[in-house]
Amino acid sequence: MTEASQVKVQVSRLGDMVGYQAGAVVSREILGRKTGTVTLFAFDEEQGLSEHTAPYDALVQVIDGATEVTISGVPYRVKEGEMIIMPAGQPHALRAVTKFKMILTMIRS
């Protein structure tokens, strides 16, 4: 069976697929492949991910709330309905300005 044939067709409300938890970051992988992943995250206010680098480009789509994404030392405010690309090899971090949910799409090839 190929990877593509294992995908179940379904309609889902993204915001309902992961819930907020006090003082925590919650994640749920929606799709995982050798070529990339799609992960849904929920961040409580003031939670975040510390600065790190990734060897692949990544796309962050905010679906609820607002975050500050810092890329190579430059902060960007990203809110519901907006997106930002985090280029491969550039240090980046995220901090929840409010509770927020995002979709992270990581492209590996």
Protein backbone atom coordinates (compact mmCIF):
# COMPACT_ATOMS: atom_id res chain seq x y z
CA MET A 1 0.00 0.00 0.00
CA THR A 2 1.42 3.41 -0.94
CA GLU A 3 1.49 6.42 1.38
CA ALA A 4 -1.15 8.17 -0.73
CA SER A 5 -3.60 5.29 -0.46
CA GLN A 6 -3.44 5.39 3.36
CA VAL A 7 -5.00 8.88 3.55
CA LYS A 8 -8.60 8.89 4.77
CA VAL A 9 -10.82 11.42 3.02
CA GLN A 10 -12.62 13.57 5.56
CA VAL A 11 -13.82 17.10 6.19
CA SER A 12 -12.67 18.56 9.51
CA ARG A 13 -12.79 21.87 11.36
CA LEU A 14 -9.12 22.60 12.04
CA GLY A 15 -9.81 24.63 15.18
CA ASP A 16 -11.59 21.67 16.74
CA MET A 17 -8.82 19.16 16.06
CA VAL A 18 -6.58 20.40 18.90
CA GLY A 19 -7.55 22.19 22.11
CA TYR A 20 -5.88 24.74 24.33
CA GLN A 21 -4.34 23.55 27.61
CA ALA A 22 -3.34 25.95 30.40
CA GLY A 23 0.39 26.69 30.37
CA ALA A 24 1.08 24.31 27.49
CA VAL A 25 1.75 23.82 23.81
CA VAL A 26 -0.33 21.04 22.26
CA SER A 27 0.36 19.52 18.84
CA ARG A 28 -1.26 17.00 16.53
CA GLU A 29 0.26 15.75 13.31
CA ILE A 30 -2.36 15.82 10.57
CA LEU A 31 -0.24 14.40 7.76
CA GLY A 32 3.25 12.92 7.83
CA ARG A 33 5.31 11.93 4.82
CA LYS A 34 8.98 11.52 3.93
CA THR A 35 8.63 14.72 1.89
CA GLY A 36 7.03 16.79 4.65
CA THR A 37 4.55 17.14 7.49
CA VAL A 38 1.47 19.14 8.38
CA THR A 39 1.04 19.69 12.13
CA LEU A 40 -1.62 21.59 14.04
CA PHE A 41 -0.54 23.43 17.22
CA ALA A 42 -2.39 25.19 20.06
CA PHE A 43 -0.35 27.56 22.28
CA ASP A 44 -1.58 28.99 25.55
CA GLU A 45 -0.84 32.71 26.03
CA GLU A 46 2.88 33.44 26.57
CA GLN A 47 3.87 29.89 25.58
CA GLY A 48 6.22 29.38 22.67
CA LEU A 49 9.04 27.56 20.97
CA SER A 50 12.58 28.66 21.77
CA GLU A 51 14.95 29.72 19.02
CA HIS A 52 16.09 26.90 16.77
CA THR A 53 16.89 26.22 13.12
CA ALA A 54 15.44 23.68 10.72
CA PRO A 55 17.04 22.32 7.57
CA TYR A 56 13.79 22.80 5.60
CA ASP A 57 11.48 25.65 4.69
CA ALA A 58 8.35 25.87 6.84
CA LEU A 59 5.03 27.64 6.43
CA VAL A 60 3.09 28.86 9.49
CA GLN A 61 -0.63 29.64 9.02
CA VAL A 62 -2.35 31.19 12.04
CA ILE A 63 -5.97 30.00 12.34
CA ASP A 64 -6.83 31.58 15.72
CA GLY A 65 -5.29 34.33 17.87
CA ALA A 66 -1.90 35.97 17.35
CA THR A 67 1.79 35.13 17.65
CA GLU A 68 5.15 36.81 17.36
CA VAL A 69 7.52 34.92 15.10
CA THR A 70 11.16 35.97 15.23
CA ILE A 71 13.29 35.03 12.23
CA SER A 72 17.02 35.83 12.27
CA GLY A 73 16.41 38.34 15.06
CA VAL A 74 13.55 40.19 13.33
CA PRO A 75 10.12 39.94 15.04
CA TYR A 76 6.94 39.59 12.97
CA ARG A 77 3.38 39.79 14.36
CA VAL A 78 1.18 37.18 12.66
CA LYS A 79 -2.55 36.94 13.40
CA GLU A 80 -5.57 34.85 12.45
CA GLY A 81 -5.86 34.47 8.69
CA GLU A 82 -2.20 35.36 8.06
CA MET A 83 0.86 33.26 7.27
CA ILE A 84 4.64 33.53 7.33
CA ILE A 85 7.39 31.49 5.70
CA MET A 86 10.36 30.49 7.85
CA PRO A 87 13.29 29.87 5.47
CA ALA A 88 15.52 26.84 5.94
CA GLY A 89 18.64 27.42 8.01
CA GLN A 90 17.49 30.70 9.57
CA PRO A 91 17.05 30.74 13.37
CA HIS A 92 13.44 31.25 14.41
CA ALA A 93 11.25 31.25 17.51
CA LEU A 94 7.54 31.68 18.30
CA ARG A 95 5.76 33.30 21.25
CA ALA A 96 2.01 33.41 21.80
CA VAL A 97 0.85 37.03 22.06
CA THR A 98 -2.62 35.61 22.81
CA LYS A 99 -3.75 32.01 22.81
CA PHE A 100 -3.26 30.92 19.24
CA LYS A 101 -3.52 27.97 16.89
CA MET A 102 -1.41 27.40 13.82
CA ILE A 103 -0.81 24.95 11.04
CA LEU A 104 2.87 24.20 10.44
CA THR A 105 3.71 22.80 7.02
CA MET A 106 7.29 21.53 6.74
CA ILE A 107 8.57 20.82 3.23
CA ARG A 108 11.49 18.40 3.10
CA SER A 109 11.94 18.14 -0.66
